């Protein structure tokens, strides 16, 4: 984990999440998808303990786990925006329509 101080209990929740998910605690070496799973589970653990998670907690947890807080890729955001526009127009297609 990083040397940046984290809110109380966050590091412990991350360790617990890594153990529960069978992913261990070598967070910085993990695949980003596995770090994301640990982050979400740690958030569930903290919420279950009654901690109110602040806005942006996901990015802070990602940094705690040694990942880059980049958010979703820009092309994913563009795709989501395009899908929203198409859905609003009633032009939604299933993937098999492209075949």
N, C-alpha and C. Protein backbone atom coordinates (compact mmCIF):
# COMPACT_ATOMS: atom_id res chain seq x y z
N UNK A 1 0.83 -1.19 0.00
CA UNK A 1 0.00 0.00 0.00
C UNK A 1 0.87 1.24 0.00
N UNK A 2 0.26 2.38 -0.25
CA UNK A 2 1.03 3.61 -0.33
C UNK A 2 1.32 4.15 1.06
N UNK A 3 2.21 5.16 1.12
CA UNK A 3 2.55 5.77 2.40
C UNK A 3 1.58 6.89 2.76
N UNK A 4 0.65 7.22 1.87
CA UNK A 4 -0.33 8.27 2.14
C UNK A 4 -1.27 7.81 3.23
N UNK A 5 -1.47 8.66 4.25
CA UNK A 5 -2.40 8.26 5.31
C UNK A 5 -3.81 8.08 4.75
N UNK A 6 -4.46 7.05 5.20
CA UNK A 6 -5.83 6.80 4.76
C UNK A 6 -6.77 6.96 5.95
N UNK A 7 -8.05 7.16 5.65
CA UNK A 7 -9.01 7.27 6.75
C UNK A 7 -8.97 6.01 7.62
N UNK A 8 -9.33 6.16 8.88
CA UNK A 8 -9.28 5.02 9.80
C UNK A 8 -10.08 3.82 9.30
N UNK A 9 -9.44 2.68 9.33
CA UNK A 9 -10.11 1.43 8.98
C UNK A 9 -10.04 1.06 7.51
N UNK A 10 -9.64 1.99 6.64
CA UNK A 10 -9.64 1.70 5.21
C UNK A 10 -8.62 0.63 4.86
N UNK A 11 -7.41 0.73 5.36
CA UNK A 11 -6.37 -0.26 5.04
C UNK A 11 -6.80 -1.65 5.52
N UNK A 12 -7.38 -1.70 6.71
CA UNK A 12 -7.83 -2.98 7.25
C UNK A 12 -8.96 -3.56 6.41
N UNK A 13 -9.88 -2.70 5.96
CA UNK A 13 -10.99 -3.16 5.10
C UNK A 13 -10.45 -3.69 3.78
N UNK A 14 -9.43 -3.03 3.23
CA UNK A 14 -8.83 -3.48 1.98
C UNK A 14 -8.17 -4.85 2.17
N UNK A 15 -7.46 -5.03 3.26
CA UNK A 15 -6.84 -6.32 3.55
C UNK A 15 -7.89 -7.41 3.71
N UNK A 16 -8.97 -7.09 4.42
CA UNK A 16 -10.05 -8.05 4.62
C UNK A 16 -10.69 -8.40 3.27
N UNK A 17 -10.91 -7.39 2.43
CA UNK A 17 -11.52 -7.63 1.12
C UNK A 17 -10.62 -8.51 0.26
N UNK A 18 -9.32 -8.23 0.25
CA UNK A 18 -8.39 -9.04 -0.52
C UNK A 18 -8.38 -10.49 -0.08
N UNK A 19 -8.46 -10.69 1.23
CA UNK A 19 -8.49 -12.04 1.78
C UNK A 19 -9.79 -12.75 1.41
N UNK A 20 -10.93 -12.05 1.60
CA UNK A 20 -12.24 -12.65 1.30
C UNK A 20 -12.34 -13.05 -0.17
N UNK A 21 -11.79 -12.21 -1.05
CA UNK A 21 -11.89 -12.47 -2.48
C UNK A 21 -10.80 -13.41 -2.99
N UNK A 22 -9.88 -13.80 -2.10
CA UNK A 22 -8.81 -14.71 -2.49
C UNK A 22 -7.77 -14.07 -3.39
N UNK A 23 -7.64 -12.75 -3.30
CA UNK A 23 -6.71 -12.03 -4.17
C UNK A 23 -5.43 -11.60 -3.46
N UNK A 24 -5.40 -11.74 -2.15
CA UNK A 24 -4.21 -11.38 -1.39
C UNK A 24 -4.11 -9.89 -1.11
N UNK A 25 -2.88 -9.46 -0.81
CA UNK A 25 -2.68 -8.07 -0.41
C UNK A 25 -1.57 -7.36 -1.18
N UNK A 26 -1.08 -7.95 -2.26
CA UNK A 26 -0.07 -7.30 -3.09
C UNK A 26 -0.78 -6.40 -4.10
N UNK A 27 -1.45 -5.37 -3.58
CA UNK A 27 -2.35 -4.55 -4.38
C UNK A 27 -1.68 -3.88 -5.57
N UNK A 28 -0.49 -3.33 -5.39
CA UNK A 28 0.18 -2.59 -6.46
C UNK A 28 0.51 -3.48 -7.66
N UNK A 29 0.72 -4.78 -7.43
CA UNK A 29 1.05 -5.69 -8.51
C UNK A 29 -0.17 -6.30 -9.17
N UNK A 30 -1.35 -6.03 -8.64
CA UNK A 30 -2.57 -6.66 -9.14
C UNK A 30 -3.05 -6.04 -10.44
N UNK A 31 -3.81 -6.83 -11.14
CA UNK A 31 -4.52 -6.37 -12.32
C UNK A 31 -5.51 -5.28 -11.86
N UNK A 32 -5.68 -4.21 -12.63
CA UNK A 32 -6.61 -3.15 -12.23
C UNK A 32 -8.03 -3.66 -11.95
N UNK A 33 -8.47 -4.66 -12.67
CA UNK A 33 -9.82 -5.20 -12.42
C UNK A 33 -9.91 -5.84 -11.03
N UNK A 34 -8.84 -6.52 -10.61
CA UNK A 34 -8.83 -7.12 -9.28
C UNK A 34 -8.79 -6.04 -8.20
N UNK A 35 -7.99 -4.98 -8.43
CA UNK A 35 -7.96 -3.87 -7.47
C UNK A 35 -9.34 -3.23 -7.37
N UNK A 36 -10.04 -3.14 -8.50
CA UNK A 36 -11.38 -2.56 -8.49
C UNK A 36 -12.34 -3.42 -7.67
N UNK A 37 -12.23 -4.74 -7.81
CA UNK A 37 -13.08 -5.65 -7.02
C UNK A 37 -12.80 -5.47 -5.53
N UNK A 38 -11.52 -5.36 -5.18
CA UNK A 38 -11.15 -5.17 -3.77
C UNK A 38 -11.68 -3.83 -3.27
N UNK A 39 -11.56 -2.80 -4.09
CA UNK A 39 -12.03 -1.47 -3.70
C UNK A 39 -13.53 -1.50 -3.41
N UNK A 40 -14.31 -2.10 -4.32
CA UNK A 40 -15.76 -2.17 -4.11
C UNK A 40 -16.10 -2.96 -2.85
N UNK A 41 -15.41 -4.09 -2.65
CA UNK A 41 -15.69 -4.92 -1.46
C UNK A 41 -15.29 -4.18 -0.19
N UNK A 42 -14.16 -3.48 -0.23
CA UNK A 42 -13.74 -2.71 0.94
C UNK A 42 -14.77 -1.63 1.26
N UNK A 43 -15.34 -1.00 0.23
CA UNK A 43 -16.40 -0.02 0.44
C UNK A 43 -17.61 -0.64 1.12
N UNK A 44 -17.97 -1.85 0.71
CA UNK A 44 -19.08 -2.57 1.34
C UNK A 44 -18.78 -2.87 2.80
N UNK A 45 -17.55 -3.27 3.07
CA UNK A 45 -17.14 -3.58 4.45
C UNK A 45 -17.24 -2.32 5.31
N UNK A 46 -16.70 -1.21 4.79
CA UNK A 46 -16.72 0.04 5.55
C UNK A 46 -18.15 0.52 5.78
N UNK A 47 -18.99 0.43 4.76
CA UNK A 47 -20.39 0.83 4.92
C UNK A 47 -21.09 -0.06 5.94
N UNK A 48 -20.76 -1.35 5.92
CA UNK A 48 -21.33 -2.28 6.89
C UNK A 48 -20.91 -1.98 8.32
N UNK A 49 -19.76 -1.30 8.47
CA UNK A 49 -19.28 -0.90 9.79
C UNK A 49 -19.88 0.44 10.20
N UNK A 50 -20.71 1.01 9.34
CA UNK A 50 -21.36 2.28 9.67
C UNK A 50 -20.58 3.51 9.25
N UNK A 51 -19.51 3.34 8.48
CA UNK A 51 -18.75 4.49 8.03
C UNK A 51 -19.44 5.12 6.83
N UNK A 52 -19.58 6.42 6.85
CA UNK A 52 -20.12 7.14 5.71
C UNK A 52 -18.97 7.40 4.75
N UNK A 53 -19.09 6.89 3.54
CA UNK A 53 -18.02 7.06 2.56
C UNK A 53 -18.19 8.42 1.87
N UNK A 54 -17.13 9.22 1.86
CA UNK A 54 -17.22 10.56 1.28
C UNK A 54 -17.30 10.50 -0.24
N UNK A 55 -17.80 11.57 -0.87
CA UNK A 55 -17.78 11.61 -2.33
C UNK A 55 -16.34 11.44 -2.82
N UNK A 56 -16.17 10.67 -3.87
CA UNK A 56 -14.84 10.43 -4.41
C UNK A 56 -14.06 9.35 -3.67
N UNK A 57 -14.73 8.61 -2.81
CA UNK A 57 -14.03 7.60 -2.02
C UNK A 57 -13.39 6.53 -2.90
N UNK A 58 -14.02 6.26 -4.06
CA UNK A 58 -13.48 5.22 -4.93
C UNK A 58 -12.06 5.57 -5.39
N UNK A 59 -11.86 6.84 -5.77
CA UNK A 59 -10.53 7.27 -6.21
C UNK A 59 -9.52 7.21 -5.08
N UNK A 60 -9.96 7.61 -3.88
CA UNK A 60 -9.06 7.55 -2.73
C UNK A 60 -8.68 6.11 -2.41
N UNK A 61 -9.64 5.20 -2.52
CA UNK A 61 -9.36 3.79 -2.25
C UNK A 61 -8.42 3.23 -3.32
N UNK A 62 -8.63 3.62 -4.57
CA UNK A 62 -7.75 3.17 -5.65
C UNK A 62 -6.31 3.62 -5.40
N UNK A 63 -6.15 4.86 -4.97
CA UNK A 63 -4.80 5.36 -4.67
C UNK A 63 -4.22 4.60 -3.49
N UNK A 64 -5.02 4.31 -2.48
CA UNK A 64 -4.57 3.55 -1.32
C UNK A 64 -4.06 2.17 -1.76
N UNK A 65 -4.72 1.59 -2.74
CA UNK A 65 -4.35 0.26 -3.21
C UNK A 65 -3.21 0.29 -4.22
N UNK A 66 -2.68 1.48 -4.50
CA UNK A 66 -1.52 1.59 -5.38
C UNK A 66 -1.86 1.73 -6.84
N UNK A 67 -3.11 2.00 -7.14
CA UNK A 67 -3.51 2.17 -8.54
C UNK A 67 -3.61 3.64 -8.91
N UNK A 68 -3.71 3.89 -10.19
CA UNK A 68 -3.90 5.25 -10.68
C UNK A 68 -5.39 5.56 -10.70
N UNK A 69 -5.74 6.70 -10.20
CA UNK A 69 -7.14 7.13 -10.16
C UNK A 69 -7.46 7.87 -11.45
N UNK A 70 -7.70 7.09 -12.50
CA UNK A 70 -7.93 7.72 -13.80
C UNK A 70 -9.40 7.77 -14.18
N UNK A 71 -10.24 7.05 -13.47
CA UNK A 71 -11.65 7.01 -13.85
C UNK A 71 -11.83 6.15 -15.09
N UNK A 72 -13.04 6.10 -15.60
CA UNK A 72 -13.29 5.28 -16.78
C UNK A 72 -12.54 5.83 -18.00
N UNK A 73 -12.15 4.98 -18.91
CA UNK A 73 -11.49 5.46 -20.12
C UNK A 73 -12.39 6.42 -20.89
N UNK A 74 -11.78 7.39 -21.56
CA UNK A 74 -12.54 8.39 -22.29
C UNK A 74 -13.43 7.77 -23.35
N UNK A 75 -12.95 6.71 -24.02
CA UNK A 75 -13.78 6.11 -25.06
C UNK A 75 -15.00 5.43 -24.45
N UNK A 76 -14.89 4.91 -23.23
CA UNK A 76 -16.05 4.32 -22.57
C UNK A 76 -17.08 5.40 -22.25
N UNK A 77 -16.61 6.57 -21.81
CA UNK A 77 -17.53 7.67 -21.53
C UNK A 77 -18.21 8.13 -22.80
N UNK A 78 -17.48 8.24 -23.89
CA UNK A 78 -18.06 8.64 -25.16
C UNK A 78 -19.10 7.63 -25.63
N UNK A 79 -18.78 6.35 -25.46
CA UNK A 79 -19.72 5.29 -25.84
C UNK A 79 -20.99 5.37 -25.00
N UNK A 80 -20.84 5.60 -23.69
CA UNK A 80 -22.01 5.73 -22.82
C UNK A 80 -22.87 6.92 -23.23
N UNK A 81 -22.23 8.04 -23.57
CA UNK A 81 -22.97 9.22 -24.00
C UNK A 81 -23.72 8.93 -25.30
N UNK A 82 -23.04 8.29 -26.24
CA UNK A 82 -23.68 7.95 -27.51
C UNK A 82 -24.85 6.99 -27.29
N UNK A 83 -24.69 6.00 -26.42
CA UNK A 83 -25.76 5.05 -26.13
C UNK A 83 -26.95 5.76 -25.50
N UNK A 84 -26.68 6.74 -24.64
CA UNK A 84 -27.75 7.49 -24.00
C UNK A 84 -28.54 8.28 -25.03
N UNK A 85 -27.84 8.93 -25.94
CA UNK A 85 -28.51 9.71 -26.99
C UNK A 85 -29.37 8.80 -27.86
N UNK A 86 -28.81 7.65 -28.26
CA UNK A 86 -29.58 6.71 -29.08
C UNK A 86 -30.80 6.20 -28.33
N UNK A 87 -30.65 5.90 -27.06
CA UNK A 87 -31.77 5.40 -26.26
C UNK A 87 -32.87 6.45 -26.15
N UNK A 88 -32.47 7.71 -25.99
CA UNK A 88 -33.46 8.78 -25.90
C UNK A 88 -34.23 8.93 -27.20
N UNK A 89 -33.59 8.61 -28.31
CA UNK A 89 -34.24 8.69 -29.63
C UNK A 89 -35.00 7.41 -29.97
N UNK A 90 -34.86 6.39 -29.12
CA UNK A 90 -35.50 5.12 -29.40
C UNK A 90 -34.75 4.29 -30.41
N UNK A 91 -33.49 4.58 -30.61
CA UNK A 91 -32.67 3.87 -31.58
C UNK A 91 -31.69 2.94 -30.88
N UNK A 92 -32.21 2.01 -30.12
CA UNK A 92 -31.35 1.10 -29.38
C UNK A 92 -31.29 -0.22 -30.15
N UNK A 93 -30.07 -0.70 -30.35
CA UNK A 93 -29.87 -1.93 -31.11
C UNK A 93 -29.19 -2.96 -30.23
N UNK A 94 -29.52 -4.19 -30.45
CA UNK A 94 -28.86 -5.29 -29.77
C UNK A 94 -27.58 -5.62 -30.51
N UNK A 95 -26.55 -6.14 -29.82
CA UNK A 95 -25.28 -6.48 -30.48
C UNK A 95 -25.47 -7.42 -31.66
N UNK A 96 -26.45 -8.31 -31.58
CA UNK A 96 -26.65 -9.25 -32.67
C UNK A 96 -27.21 -8.58 -33.93
N UNK A 97 -27.72 -7.35 -33.81
CA UNK A 97 -28.19 -6.59 -34.98
C UNK A 97 -27.04 -6.25 -35.92
N UNK A 98 -25.83 -6.18 -35.38
CA UNK A 98 -24.67 -5.84 -36.20
C UNK A 98 -24.17 -7.01 -37.03
N UNK A 99 -24.62 -8.20 -36.72
CA UNK A 99 -24.11 -9.40 -37.41
C UNK A 99 -24.65 -9.51 -38.82
